[in-house]
Every structure is written in structure tokens, then in C-alpha cells.
Amino acid sequence: MYKILVFPIKIHIYIYIYIYIYIYIYIYIYIFFFKKKIFYIFFLYIIYIYIYI
């Protein structure tokens, strides 16, 4: 019973961590894209994120 209760909580924590990392990377790329105006790096990061997930 304890494992059944704890396991979903761990899944939620991992999901939130992944969401925060994804948002952080996206914001960083967005800022970088606007500062440097380099589209292909922005595009490569998107591809990398999709491959990684």
C-alpha cells in the first residue's frame, strides 16, 4: 500500500522536473534567438529536445 501511494507522487515530481527543465531551456533558447538572431541554432535545439524526449 505504501509503494502504491508513493509511486504516483514520484512520477508527478519527475513530470514537474521535466516540465521546468523544458520551460527553462525554451526560455533560454528564445532569449538567445532574439539576441543573436540565429535561427538554425534555435531549430537544432528543438530537434535535440524532441530526440531527447
C-alpha atoms as a PDB file:
ATOM      1  CA  MET A   1       0.000   0.000   0.000  1.00  0.00           C
ATOM      2  CA  TYR A   2       2.825   2.383   0.844  1.00  0.00           C
ATOM      3  CA  LYS A   3       4.534   1.773  -2.519  1.00  0.00           C
ATOM      4  CA  ILE A   4       1.248   2.296  -4.366  1.00  0.00           C
ATOM      5  CA  LEU A   5       0.838   5.715  -2.704  1.00  0.00           C
ATOM      6  CA  VAL A   6       4.472   6.839  -3.066  1.00  0.00           C
ATOM      7  CA  PHE A   7       4.987   5.762  -6.697  1.00  0.00           C
ATOM      8  CA  PRO A   8       2.467   8.229  -8.278  1.00  0.00           C
ATOM      9  CA  ILE A   9       3.976  11.042  -6.177  1.00  0.00           C
ATOM     10  CA  LYS A  10       7.448  10.231  -7.582  1.00  0.00           C
ATOM     11  CA  ILE A  11       6.035  10.204 -11.122  1.00  0.00           C
ATOM     12  CA  HIS A  12       4.450  13.634 -10.550  1.00  0.00           C
ATOM     13  CA  ILE A  13       7.740  15.023  -9.187  1.00  0.00           C
ATOM     14  CA  TYR A  14       9.635  13.743 -12.262  1.00  0.00           C
ATOM     15  CA  ILE A  15       6.989  15.154 -14.605  1.00  0.00           C
ATOM     16  CA  TYR A  16       7.234  18.587 -12.908  1.00  0.00           C
ATOM     17  CA  ILE A  17      11.052  18.488 -13.081  1.00  0.00           C
ATOM     18  CA  TYR A  18      10.894  17.687 -16.818  1.00  0.00           C
ATOM     19  CA  ILE A  19       8.351  20.482 -17.398  1.00  0.00           C
ATOM     20  CA  TYR A  20      10.517  23.030 -15.532  1.00  0.00           C
ATOM     21  CA  ILE A  21      13.668  21.947 -17.411  1.00  0.00           C
ATOM     22  CA  TYR A  22      11.792  22.149 -20.746  1.00  0.00           C
ATOM     23  CA  ILE A  23      10.424  25.635 -19.945  1.00  0.00           C
ATOM     24  CA  TYR A  24      13.859  26.824 -18.779  1.00  0.00           C
ATOM     25  CA  ILE A  25      15.566  25.559 -21.958  1.00  0.00           C
ATOM     26  CA  TYR A  26      12.801  27.027 -24.141  1.00  0.00           C
ATOM     27  CA  ILE A  27      13.100  30.463 -22.486  1.00  0.00           C
ATOM     28  CA  TYR A  28      16.906  30.343 -22.749  1.00  0.00           C
ATOM     29  CA  ILE A  29      16.704  29.453 -26.475  1.00  0.00           C
ATOM     30  CA  TYR A  30      14.046  32.136 -27.019  1.00  0.00           C
ATOM     31  CA  ILE A  31      16.252  34.828 -25.448  1.00  0.00           C
ATOM     32  CA  PHE A  32      19.327  33.551 -27.300  1.00  0.00           C
ATOM     33  CA  PHE A  33      17.387  33.504 -30.579  1.00  0.00           C
ATOM     34  CA  PHE A  34      16.329  37.130 -30.157  1.00  0.00           C
ATOM     35  CA  LYS A  35      19.747  38.337 -29.038  1.00  0.00           C
ATOM     36  CA  LYS A  36      21.825  36.536 -31.674  1.00  0.00           C
ATOM     37  CA  LYS A  37      19.195  36.257 -34.426  1.00  0.00           C
ATOM     38  CA  ILE A  38      20.479  32.807 -35.363  1.00  0.00           C
ATOM     39  CA  PHE A  39      17.589  30.640 -36.480  1.00  0.00           C
ATOM     40  CA  TYR A  40      19.419  27.377 -37.171  1.00  0.00           C
ATOM     41  CA  ILE A  41      20.682  27.037 -33.562  1.00  0.00           C
ATOM     42  CA  PHE A  42      17.116  27.563 -32.320  1.00  0.00           C
ATOM     43  CA  PHE A  43      15.935  24.904 -34.766  1.00  0.00           C
ATOM     44  CA  LEU A  44      18.677  22.430 -33.781  1.00  0.00           C
ATOM     45  CA  TYR A  45      17.769  22.813 -30.097  1.00  0.00           C
ATOM     46  CA  ILE A  46      14.128  21.990 -30.857  1.00  0.00           C
ATOM     47  CA  ILE A  47      15.209  18.859 -32.768  1.00  0.00           C
ATOM     48  CA  TYR A  48      17.547  17.899 -29.910  1.00  0.00           C
ATOM     49  CA  ILE A  49      14.752  18.284 -27.318  1.00  0.00           C
ATOM     50  CA  TYR A  50      12.370  16.106 -29.362  1.00  0.00           C
ATOM     51  CA  ILE A  51      15.030  13.408 -29.872  1.00  0.00           C
ATOM     52  CA  TYR A  52      15.979  13.519 -26.178  1.00  0.00           C
ATOM     53  CA  ILE A  53      12.360  13.085 -25.027  1.00  0.00           C
END
